[in-house]
Amino acid sequence: MDENKIGQFIAELRKEKKLTQKDLAAQLHITDKAVSKWERGVSHN
């Protein structure tokens, strides 16, 4: 799986819905830092 492509996809959808990373994080009950990591393709591997 290409983490960068997935991150770009998440960012595009979030922006289409006019949500900030913080807004999306609140809806998913996670931190905005986690959303940022997803969008940048950062993993713990």
C-alpha atoms as a PDB file:
ATOM      1  CA  MET A   1       0.000   0.000   0.000  1.00  0.00           C
ATOM      2  CA  ASP A   2       1.312   3.422  -0.902  1.00  0.00           C
ATOM      3  CA  GLU A   3       0.995   5.488   2.268  1.00  0.00           C
ATOM      4  CA  ASN A   4       1.659   8.759   0.432  1.00  0.00           C
ATOM      5  CA  LYS A   5      -1.195   8.192  -2.031  1.00  0.00           C
ATOM      6  CA  ILE A   6      -3.556   7.255   0.800  1.00  0.00           C
ATOM      7  CA  GLY A   7      -2.506  10.369   2.704  1.00  0.00           C
ATOM      8  CA  GLN A   8      -3.120  12.586  -0.327  1.00  0.00           C
ATOM      9  CA  PHE A   9      -6.535  10.970  -0.793  1.00  0.00           C
ATOM     10  CA  ILE A  10      -7.490  11.600   2.852  1.00  0.00           C
ATOM     11  CA  ALA A  11      -6.328  15.217   2.586  1.00  0.00           C
ATOM     12  CA  GLU A  12      -8.270  15.791  -0.646  1.00  0.00           C
ATOM     13  CA  LEU A  13     -11.504  14.408   0.781  1.00  0.00           C
ATOM     14  CA  ARG A  14     -11.069  16.370   4.012  1.00  0.00           C
ATOM     15  CA  LYS A  15     -10.525  19.607   2.088  1.00  0.00           C
ATOM     16  CA  GLU A  16     -13.494  18.953  -0.229  1.00  0.00           C
ATOM     17  CA  LYS A  17     -15.668  18.769   2.873  1.00  0.00           C
ATOM     18  CA  LYS A  18     -14.040  21.974   4.157  1.00  0.00           C
ATOM     19  CA  LEU A  19     -12.787  20.290   7.325  1.00  0.00           C
ATOM     20  CA  THR A  20      -9.605  21.083   9.182  1.00  0.00           C
ATOM     21  CA  GLN A  21      -7.410  18.286  10.470  1.00  0.00           C
ATOM     22  CA  LYS A  22      -8.739  19.137  13.911  1.00  0.00           C
ATOM     23  CA  ASP A  23     -12.379  18.855  12.720  1.00  0.00           C
ATOM     24  CA  LEU A  24     -11.768  15.434  11.155  1.00  0.00           C
ATOM     25  CA  ALA A  25      -9.895  14.246  14.229  1.00  0.00           C
ATOM     26  CA  ALA A  26     -12.772  15.270  16.497  1.00  0.00           C
ATOM     27  CA  GLN A  27     -15.263  13.340  14.340  1.00  0.00           C
ATOM     28  CA  LEU A  28     -13.056  10.233  14.484  1.00  0.00           C
ATOM     29  CA  HIS A  29     -12.218  10.633  18.199  1.00  0.00           C
ATOM     30  CA  ILE A  30      -8.487  10.774  17.508  1.00  0.00           C
ATOM     31  CA  THR A  31      -5.849  13.517  17.666  1.00  0.00           C
ATOM     32  CA  ASP A  32      -5.177  16.019  14.925  1.00  0.00           C
ATOM     33  CA  LYS A  33      -1.568  14.819  15.043  1.00  0.00           C
ATOM     34  CA  ALA A  34      -2.746  11.372  13.893  1.00  0.00           C
ATOM     35  CA  VAL A  35      -4.570  12.927  10.924  1.00  0.00           C
ATOM     36  CA  SER A  36      -1.445  14.900  10.068  1.00  0.00           C
ATOM     37  CA  LYS A  37       0.669  11.730  10.142  1.00  0.00           C
ATOM     38  CA  TRP A  38      -1.797   9.933   7.879  1.00  0.00           C
ATOM     39  CA  GLU A  39      -1.754  12.768   5.384  1.00  0.00           C
ATOM     40  CA  ARG A  40       2.047  12.890   5.363  1.00  0.00           C
ATOM     41  CA  GLY A  41       2.312   9.105   4.983  1.00  0.00           C
ATOM     42  CA  VAL A  42       4.200   8.705   8.259  1.00  0.00           C
ATOM     43  CA  SER A  43       3.992   5.304   9.893  1.00  0.00           C
ATOM     44  CA  HIS A  44       5.527   3.586  12.899  1.00  0.00           C
ATOM     45  CA  ASN A  45       7.159   0.814  10.855  1.00  0.00           C
END
